[in-house]
Amino acid sequence: MEETRNLRRTIQGVVTSNKMEKGITVTVERKVKHPKYGKFVKKSKKYHAHDESNDANVGDVVRIMETRPLSKLKRWRLVDIIERAK
């Protein structure tokens, strides 16, 4: 059972909203090389994640893991808080 759980994707991002009940919005930023000009461009994507204990605050760096669908938008859950916001 634990082996299959480790195959799930984990990503790291910054909490941008915690206004949902037991839910957070995490923005994940990545750098992509432009195909023609070669410049690295920042791309970001928002994920809705489940936070069972309402522990994460805006600005926290968190790790989230893919999980079964929990609601209309939530397919990720909070694993741990890497760094607290100052």
PDB file of N, CA and C in Angstrom:
ATOM      1  N   MET A   1       0.827  -1.199   0.000  1.00  0.00           N
ATOM      2  CA  MET A   1       0.000   0.000   0.000  1.00  0.00           C
ATOM      3  C   MET A   1       0.865   1.253   0.000  1.00  0.00           C
ATOM      4  N   GLU A   2       1.916   1.273   0.809  1.00  0.00           N
ATOM      5  CA  GLU A   2       2.773   2.451   0.894  1.00  0.00           C
ATOM      6  C   GLU A   2       3.540   2.694  -0.399  1.00  0.00           C
ATOM      7  N   GLU A   3       3.876   1.620  -1.132  1.00  0.00           N
ATOM      8  CA  GLU A   3       4.625   1.788  -2.373  1.00  0.00           C
ATOM      9  C   GLU A   3       3.809   2.545  -3.408  1.00  0.00           C
ATOM     10  N   THR A   4       2.520   2.255  -3.511  1.00  0.00           N
ATOM     11  CA  THR A   4       1.688   2.966  -4.478  1.00  0.00           C
ATOM     12  C   THR A   4       1.475   4.413  -4.055  1.00  0.00           C
ATOM     13  N   ARG A   5       1.454   4.683  -2.777  1.00  0.00           N
ATOM     14  CA  ARG A   5       1.259   6.051  -2.305  1.00  0.00           C
ATOM     15  C   ARG A   5       2.457   6.924  -2.669  1.00  0.00           C
ATOM     16  N   ASN A   6       3.648   6.342  -2.694  1.00  0.00           N
ATOM     17  CA  ASN A   6       4.835   7.112  -3.029  1.00  0.00           C
ATOM     18  C   ASN A   6       4.919   7.431  -4.515  1.00  0.00           C
ATOM     19  N   LEU A   7       4.135   6.762  -5.351  1.00  0.00           N
ATOM     20  CA  LEU A   7       4.146   7.041  -6.775  1.00  0.00           C
ATOM     21  C   LEU A   7       3.339   8.291  -7.123  1.00  0.00           C
ATOM     22  N   ARG A   8       2.569   8.796  -6.179  1.00  0.00           N
ATOM     23  CA  ARG A   8       1.777   9.994  -6.429  1.00  0.00           C
ATOM     24  C   ARG A   8       2.688  11.211  -6.541  1.00  0.00           C
ATOM     25  N   ARG A   9       2.293  12.145  -7.404  1.00  0.00           N
ATOM     26  CA  ARG A   9       3.116  13.334  -7.615  1.00  0.00           C
ATOM     27  C   ARG A   9       3.074  14.254  -6.401  1.00  0.00           C
ATOM     28  N   THR A  10       4.204  14.835  -6.062  1.00  0.00           N
ATOM     29  CA  THR A  10       4.265  15.865  -5.039  1.00  0.00           C
ATOM     30  C   THR A  10       4.889  17.101  -5.660  1.00  0.00           C
ATOM     31  N   ILE A  11       4.326  18.260  -5.342  1.00  0.00           N
ATOM     32  CA  ILE A  11       4.862  19.518  -5.844  1.00  0.00           C
ATOM     33  C   ILE A  11       4.941  20.522  -4.708  1.00  0.00           C
ATOM     34  N   GLN A  12       5.760  21.544  -4.916  1.00  0.00           N
ATOM     35  CA  GLN A  12       6.005  22.551  -3.899  1.00  0.00           C
ATOM     36  C   GLN A  12       5.541  23.896  -4.429  1.00  0.00           C
ATOM     37  N   GLY A  13       4.860  24.669  -3.586  1.00  0.00           N
ATOM     38  CA  GLY A  13       4.369  25.969  -4.016  1.00  0.00           C
ATOM     39  C   GLY A  13       4.078  26.876  -2.836  1.00  0.00           C
ATOM     40  N   VAL A  14       3.526  28.049  -3.137  1.00  0.00           N
ATOM     41  CA  VAL A  14       3.235  29.065  -2.128  1.00  0.00           C
ATOM     42  C   VAL A  14       1.720  29.189  -1.979  1.00  0.00           C
ATOM     43  N   VAL A  15       1.258  29.251  -0.735  1.00  0.00           N
ATOM     44  CA  VAL A  15      -0.173  29.401  -0.463  1.00  0.00           C
ATOM     45  C   VAL A  15      -0.587  30.831  -0.819  1.00  0.00           C
ATOM     46  N   THR A  16      -1.571  30.967  -1.708  1.00  0.00           N
ATOM     47  CA  THR A  16      -2.046  32.291  -2.101  1.00  0.00           C
ATOM     48  C   THR A  16      -3.411  32.619  -1.505  1.00  0.00           C
ATOM     49  N   SER A  17      -4.140  31.606  -1.025  1.00  0.00           N
ATOM     50  CA  SER A  17      -5.436  31.847  -0.403  1.00  0.00           C
ATOM     51  C   SER A  17      -5.751  30.710   0.566  1.00  0.00           C
ATOM     52  N   ASN A  18      -6.322  31.081   1.721  1.00  0.00           N
ATOM     53  CA  ASN A  18      -6.773  30.067   2.680  1.00  0.00           C
ATOM     54  C   ASN A  18      -8.178  30.390   3.182  1.00  0.00           C
ATOM     55  N   LYS A  19      -8.980  30.993   2.336  1.00  0.00           N
ATOM     56  CA  LYS A  19     -10.319  31.426   2.732  1.00  0.00           C
ATOM     57  C   LYS A  19     -11.350  30.304   2.692  1.00  0.00           C
ATOM     58  N   MET A  20     -11.009  29.188   2.067  1.00  0.00           N
ATOM     59  CA  MET A  20     -11.944  28.063   2.013  1.00  0.00           C
ATOM     60  C   MET A  20     -11.935  27.307   3.339  1.00  0.00           C
ATOM     61  N   GLU A  21     -13.040  26.651   3.633  1.00  0.00           N
ATOM     62  CA  GLU A  21     -13.106  25.797   4.817  1.00  0.00           C
ATOM     63  C   GLU A  21     -12.360  24.506   4.516  1.00  0.00           C
ATOM     64  N   LYS A  22     -11.275  24.249   5.235  1.00  0.00           N
ATOM     65  CA  LYS A  22     -10.413  23.075   5.045  1.00  0.00           C
ATOM     66  C   LYS A  22      -9.848  23.014   3.630  1.00  0.00           C
ATOM     67  N   GLY A  23      -9.521  24.165   3.079  1.00  0.00           N
ATOM     68  CA  GLY A  23      -8.958  24.198   1.732  1.00  0.00           C
ATOM     69  C   GLY A  23      -8.016  25.369   1.546  1.00  0.00           C
ATOM     70  N   ILE A  24      -7.035  25.209   0.658  1.00  0.00           N
ATOM     71  CA  ILE A  24      -6.083  26.265   0.337  1.00  0.00           C
ATOM     72  C   ILE A  24      -5.875  26.301  -1.176  1.00  0.00           C
ATOM     73  N   THR A  25      -5.410  27.449  -1.654  1.00  0.00           N
ATOM     74  CA  THR A  25      -5.010  27.588  -3.047  1.00  0.00           C
ATOM     75  C   THR A  25      -3.498  27.745  -3.070  1.00  0.00           C
ATOM     76  N   VAL A  26      -2.827  26.891  -3.840  1.00  0.00           N
ATOM     77  CA  VAL A  26      -1.367  26.887  -3.908  1.00  0.00           C
ATOM     78  C   VAL A  26      -0.950  27.273  -5.323  1.00  0.00           C
ATOM     79  N   THR A  27      -0.058  28.266  -5.424  1.00  0.00           N
ATOM     80  CA  THR A  27       0.478  28.674  -6.719  1.00  0.00           C
ATOM     81  C   THR A  27       1.851  28.053  -6.892  1.00  0.00           C
ATOM     82  N   VAL A  28       2.022  27.313  -7.992  1.00  0.00           N
ATOM     83  CA  VAL A  28       3.288  26.649  -8.297  1.00  0.00           C
ATOM     84  C   VAL A  28       3.901  27.366  -9.494  1.00  0.00           C
ATOM     85  N   GLU A  29       5.142  27.828  -9.319  1.00  0.00           N
ATOM     86  CA  GLU A  29       5.828  28.564 -10.369  1.00  0.00           C
ATOM     87  C   GLU A  29       6.938  27.710 -10.958  1.00  0.00           C
ATOM     88  N   ARG A  30       7.084  27.766 -12.283  1.00  0.00           N
ATOM     89  CA  ARG A  30       8.154  27.036 -12.951  1.00  0.00           C
ATOM     90  C   ARG A  30       8.720  27.913 -14.050  1.00  0.00           C
ATOM     91  N   LYS A  31       9.945  27.614 -14.463  1.00  0.00           N
ATOM     92  CA  LYS A  31      10.596  28.374 -15.520  1.00  0.00           C
ATOM     93  C   LYS A  31      10.666  27.517 -16.772  1.00  0.00           C
ATOM     94  N   VAL A  32      10.228  28.094 -17.894  1.00  0.00           N
ATOM     95  CA  VAL A  32      10.187  27.395 -19.170  1.00  0.00           C
ATOM     96  C   VAL A  32      10.993  28.205 -20.176  1.00  0.00           C
ATOM     97  N   LYS A  33      11.806  27.515 -20.945  1.00  0.00           N
ATOM     98  CA  LYS A  33      12.595  28.188 -21.968  1.00  0.00           C
ATOM     99  C   LYS A  33      11.714  28.485 -23.180  1.00  0.00           C
ATOM    100  N   HIS A  34      11.731  29.741 -23.638  1.00  0.00           N
ATOM    101  CA  HIS A  34      10.948  30.127 -24.811  1.00  0.00           C
ATOM    102  C   HIS A  34      11.499  29.407 -26.039  1.00  0.00           C
ATOM    103  N   PRO A  35      10.615  28.786 -26.848  1.00  0.00           N
ATOM    104  CA  PRO A  35      11.112  27.955 -27.952  1.00  0.00           C
ATOM    105  C   PRO A  35      11.907  28.725 -29.010  1.00  0.00           C
ATOM    106  N   LYS A  36      11.545  29.978 -29.263  1.00  0.00           N
ATOM    107  CA  LYS A  36      12.220  30.730 -30.321  1.00  0.00           C
ATOM    108  C   LYS A  36      13.370  31.585 -29.794  1.00  0.00           C
ATOM    109  N   TYR A  37      13.125  32.302 -28.697  1.00  0.00           N
ATOM    110  CA  TYR A  37      14.094  33.290 -28.232  1.00  0.00           C
ATOM    111  C   TYR A  37      15.027  32.785 -27.144  1.00  0.00           C
ATOM    112  N   GLY A  38      14.707  31.652 -26.534  1.00  0.00           N
ATOM    113  CA  GLY A  38      15.614  31.053 -25.566  1.00  0.00           C
ATOM    114  C   GLY A  38      15.578  31.653 -24.178  1.00  0.00           C
ATOM    115  N   LYS A  39      14.786  32.695 -23.978  1.00  0.00           N
ATOM    116  CA  LYS A  39      14.699  33.312 -22.658  1.00  0.00           C
ATOM    117  C   LYS A  39      13.827  32.449 -21.746  1.00  0.00           C
ATOM    118  N   PHE A  40      14.208  32.366 -20.466  1.00  0.00           N
ATOM    119  CA  PHE A  40      13.409  31.618 -19.505  1.00  0.00           C
ATOM    120  C   PHE A  40      12.264  32.494 -19.012  1.00  0.00           C
ATOM    121  N   VAL A  41      11.048  31.983 -19.152  1.00  0.00           N
ATOM    122  CA  VAL A  41       9.842  32.707 -18.778  1.00  0.00           C
ATOM    123  C   VAL A  41       9.203  31.997 -17.592  1.00  0.00           C
ATOM    124  N   LYS A  42       8.713  32.778 -16.615  1.00  0.00           N
ATOM    125  CA  LYS A  42       8.034  32.199 -15.460  1.00  0.00           C
ATOM    126  C   LYS A  42       6.595  31.866 -15.827  1.00  0.00           C
ATOM    127  N   LYS A  43       6.204  30.636 -15.566  1.00  0.00           N
ATOM    128  CA  LYS A  43       4.821  30.197 -15.753  1.00  0.00           C
ATOM    129  C   LYS A  43       4.310  29.751 -14.393  1.00  0.00           C
ATOM    130  N   SER A  44       3.056  30.047 -14.095  1.00  0.00           N
ATOM    131  CA  SER A  44       2.503  29.637 -12.811  1.00  0.00           C
ATOM    132  C   SER A  44       1.157  28.961 -13.022  1.00  0.00           C
ATOM    133  N   LYS A  45       0.818  28.098 -12.079  1.00  0.00           N
ATOM    134  CA  LYS A  45      -0.446  27.374 -12.114  1.00  0.00           C
ATOM    135  C   LYS A  45      -0.977  27.278 -10.694  1.00  0.00           C
ATOM    136  N   LYS A  46      -2.293  27.385 -10.544  1.00  0.00           N
ATOM    137  CA  LYS A  46      -2.919  27.315  -9.228  1.00  0.00           C
ATOM    138  C   LYS A  46      -3.548  25.943  -9.021  1.00  0.00           C
ATOM    139  N   TYR A  47      -3.365  25.419  -7.826  1.00  0.00           N
ATOM    140  CA  TYR A  47      -3.957  24.141  -7.433  1.00  0.00           C
ATOM    141  C   TYR A  47      -4.787  24.364  -6.172  1.00  0.00           C
ATOM    142  N   HIS A  48      -5.949  23.724  -6.108  1.00  0.00           N
ATOM    143  CA  HIS A  48      -6.765  23.732  -4.898  1.00  0.00           C
ATOM    144  C   HIS A  48      -6.424  22.472  -4.120  1.00  0.00           C
ATOM    145  N   ALA A  49      -6.060  22.641  -2.848  1.00  0.00           N
ATOM    146  CA  ALA A  49      -5.613  21.517  -2.030  1.00  0.00           C
ATOM    147  C   ALA A  49      -6.422  21.438  -0.740  1.00  0.00           C
ATOM    148  N   HIS A  50      -6.516  20.235  -0.198  1.00  0.00           N
ATOM    149  CA  HIS A  50      -7.248  19.975   1.038  1.00  0.00           C
ATOM    150  C   HIS A  50      -6.316  20.147   2.228  1.00  0.00           C
ATOM    151  N   ASP A  51      -6.734  20.986   3.183  1.00  0.00           N
ATOM    152  CA  ASP A  51      -5.974  21.236   4.412  1.00  0.00           C
ATOM    153  C   ASP A  51      -6.874  20.862   5.583  1.00  0.00           C
ATOM    154  N   GLU A  52      -6.738  19.643   6.066  1.00  0.00           N
ATOM    155  CA  GLU A  52      -7.648  19.098   7.079  1.00  0.00           C
ATOM    156  C   GLU A  52      -7.656  19.924   8.362  1.00  0.00           C
ATOM    157  N   SER A  53      -6.494  20.412   8.794  1.00  0.00           N
ATOM    158  CA  SER A  53      -6.409  21.102  10.084  1.00  0.00           C
ATOM    159  C   SER A  53      -6.414  22.623   9.962  1.00  0.00           C
ATOM    160  N   ASN A  54      -6.629  23.164   8.770  1.00  0.00           N
ATOM    161  CA  ASN A  54      -6.591  24.616   8.538  1.00  0.00           C
ATOM    162  C   ASN A  54      -5.313  25.230   9.098  1.00  0.00           C
ATOM    163  N   ASP A  55      -4.187  24.598   8.834  1.00  0.00           N
ATOM    164  CA  ASP A  55      -2.906  24.979   9.425  1.00  0.00           C
ATOM    165  C   ASP A  55      -2.120  25.965   8.565  1.00  0.00           C
ATOM    166  N   ALA A  56      -2.292  25.938   7.258  1.00  0.00           N
ATOM    167  CA  ALA A  56      -1.491  26.764   6.355  1.00  0.00           C
ATOM    168  C   ALA A  56      -2.052  28.180   6.266  1.00  0.00           C
ATOM    169  N   ASN A  57      -1.138  29.153   6.180  1.00  0.00           N
ATOM    170  CA  ASN A  57      -1.512  30.552   6.031  1.00  0.00           C
ATOM    171  C   ASN A  57      -0.967  31.091   4.720  1.00  0.00           C
ATOM    172  N   VAL A  58      -1.456  32.258   4.309  1.00  0.00           N
ATOM    173  CA  VAL A  58      -1.019  32.876   3.058  1.00  0.00           C
ATOM    174  C   VAL A  58       0.471  33.195   3.144  1.00  0.00           C
ATOM    175  N   GLY A  59       1.219  32.808   2.116  1.00  0.00           N
ATOM    176  CA  GLY A  59       2.657  33.057   2.067  1.00  0.00           C
ATOM    177  C   GLY A  59       3.503  31.873   2.492  1.00  0.00           C
ATOM    178  N   ASP A  60       2.893  30.845   3.067  1.00  0.00           N
ATOM    179  CA  ASP A  60       3.642  29.653   3.474  1.00  0.00           C
ATOM    180  C   ASP A  60       4.089  28.863   2.249  1.00  0.00           C
ATOM    181  N   VAL A  61       5.295  28.301   2.317  1.00  0.00           N
ATOM    182  CA  VAL A  61       5.770  27.388   1.280  1.00  0.00           C
ATOM    183  C   VAL A  61       5.370  25.988   1.725  1.00  0.00           C
ATOM    184  N   VAL A  62       4.594  25.292   0.883  1.00  0.00           N
ATOM    185  CA  VAL A  62       4.031  23.997   1.262  1.00  0.00           C
ATOM    186  C   VAL A  62       4.328  22.942   0.207  1.00  0.00           C
ATOM    187  N   ARG A  63       4.199  21.677   0.618  1.00  0.00           N
ATOM    188  CA  ARG A  63       4.305  20.543  -0.302  1.00  0.00           C
ATOM    189  C   ARG A  63       2.930  19.890  -0.362  1.00  0.00           C
ATOM    190  N   ILE A  64       2.420  19.671  -1.580  1.00  0.00           N
ATOM    191  CA  ILE A  64       1.120  19.034  -1.751  1.00  0.00           C
ATOM    192  C   ILE A  64       1.284  17.757  -2.564  1.00  0.00           C
ATOM    193  N   MET A  65       0.376  16.807  -2.331  1.00  0.00           N
ATOM    194  CA  MET A  65       0.440  15.500  -2.984  1.00  0.00           C
ATOM    195  C   MET A  65      -0.880  15.232  -3.702  1.00  0.00           C
ATOM    196  N   GLU A  66      -0.775  14.591  -4.851  1.00  0.00           N
ATOM    197  CA  GLU A  66      -1.952  14.234  -5.637  1.00  0.00           C
ATOM    198  C   GLU A  66      -2.768  13.178  -4.888  1.00  0.00           C
ATOM    199  N   THR A  67      -4.089  13.282  -4.972  1.00  0.00           N
ATOM    200  CA  THR A  67      -4.964  12.349  -4.276  1.00  0.00           C
ATOM    201  C   THR A  67      -6.250  12.157  -5.087  1.00  0.00           C
ATOM    202  N   ARG A  68      -7.150  11.361  -4.568  1.00  0.00           N
ATOM    203  CA  ARG A  68      -8.426  11.145  -5.253  1.00  0.00           C
ATOM    204  C   ARG A  68      -9.231  12.450  -5.227  1.00  0.00           C
ATOM    205  N   PRO A  69     -10.204  12.601  -6.121  1.00  0.00           N
ATOM    206  CA  PRO A  69     -11.026  13.816  -6.109  1.00  0.00           C
ATOM    207  C   PRO A  69     -11.788  13.960  -4.790  1.00  0.00           C
ATOM    208  N   LEU A  70     -11.597  15.096  -4.134  1.00  0.00           N
ATOM    209  CA  LEU A  70     -12.258  15.357  -2.860  1.00  0.00           C
ATOM    210  C   LEU A  70     -13.465  16.277  -3.027  1.00  0.00           C
ATOM    211  N   SER A  71     -13.459  17.080  -4.078  1.00  0.00           N
ATOM    212  CA  SER A  71     -14.587  17.955  -4.386  1.00  0.00           C
ATOM    213  C   SER A  71     -14.510  18.309  -5.867  1.00  0.00           C
ATOM    214  N   LYS A  72     -15.256  19.320  -6.270  1.00  0.00           N
ATOM    215  CA  LYS A  72     -15.274  19.705  -7.682  1.00  0.00           C
ATOM    216  C   LYS A  72     -13.880  20.107  -8.173  1.00  0.00           C
ATOM    217  N   LEU A  73     -13.111  20.815  -7.353  1.00  0.00           N
ATOM    218  CA  LEU A  73     -11.804  21.327  -7.767  1.00  0.00           C
ATOM    219  C   LEU A  73     -10.619  20.702  -7.036  1.00  0.00           C
ATOM    220  N   LYS A  74     -10.837  20.127  -5.864  1.00  0.00           N
ATOM    221  CA  LYS A  74      -9.712  19.646  -5.046  1.00  0.00           C
ATOM    222  C   LYS A  74      -9.295  18.226  -5.424  1.00  0.00           C
ATOM    223  N   ARG A  75      -8.061  18.115  -5.947  1.00  0.00           N
ATOM    224  CA  ARG A  75      -7.460  16.817  -6.266  1.00  0.00           C
ATOM    225  C   ARG A  75      -6.094  16.677  -5.612  1.00  0.00           C
ATOM    226  N   TRP A  76      -5.749  17.577  -4.717  1.00  0.00           N
ATOM    227  CA  TRP A  76      -4.459  17.592  -4.039  1.00  0.00           C
ATOM    228  C   TRP A  76      -4.699  17.740  -2.546  1.00  0.00           C
ATOM    229  N   ARG A  77      -3.735  17.276  -1.736  1.00  0.00           N
ATOM    230  CA  ARG A  77      -3.845  17.450  -0.288  1.00  0.00           C
ATOM    231  C   ARG A  77      -2.522  17.943   0.269  1.00  0.00           C
ATOM    232  N   LEU A  78      -2.602  18.669   1.352  1.00  0.00           N
ATOM    233  CA  LEU A  78      -1.420  19.234   1.999  1.00  0.00           C
ATOM    234  C   LEU A  78      -0.639  18.127   2.690  1.00  0.00           C
ATOM    235  N   VAL A  79       0.672  18.040   2.390  1.00  0.00           N
ATOM    236  CA  VAL A  79       1.532  17.044   3.031  1.00  0.00           C
ATOM    237  C   VAL A  79       2.229  17.674   4.225  1.00  0.00           C
ATOM    238  N   ASP A  80       2.955  18.771   3.990  1.00  0.00           N
ATOM    239  CA  ASP A  80       3.614  19.466   5.089  1.00  0.00           C
ATOM    240  C   ASP A  80       3.908  20.905   4.703  1.00  0.00           C
ATOM    241  N   ILE A  81       4.169  21.709   5.737  1.00  0.00           N
ATOM    242  CA  ILE A  81       4.527  23.108   5.545  1.00  0.00           C
ATOM    243  C   ILE A  81       6.041  23.194   5.646  1.00  0.00           C
ATOM    244  N   ILE A  82       6.686  23.606   4.555  1.00  0.00           N
ATOM    245  CA  ILE A  82       8.144  23.649   4.501  1.00  0.00           C
ATOM    246  C   ILE A  82       8.674  24.894   5.203  1.00  0.00           C
ATOM    247  N   GLU A  83       8.041  26.040   4.927  1.00  0.00           N
ATOM    248  CA  GLU A  83       8.513  27.298   5.505  1.00  0.00           C
ATOM    249  C   GLU A  83       7.313  28.187   5.799  1.00  0.00           C
ATOM    250  N   ARG A  84       7.283  28.737   7.004  1.00  0.00           N
ATOM    251  CA  ARG A  84       6.202  29.636   7.403  1.00  0.00           C
ATOM    252  C   ARG A  84       6.447  31.034   6.838  1.00  0.00           C
ATOM    253  N   ALA A  85       5.360  31.766   6.572  1.00  0.00           N
ATOM    254  CA  ALA A  85       5.475  33.145   6.101  1.00  0.00           C
ATOM    255  C   ALA A  85       5.952  34.030   7.249  1.00  0.00           C
ATOM    256  N   LYS A  86       6.680  35.055   6.894  1.00  0.00           N
ATOM    257  CA  LYS A  86       7.206  35.953   7.937  1.00  0.00           C
ATOM    258  C   LYS A  86       6.237  37.056   8.261  1.00  0.00           C
TER     259      LYS A  86
END
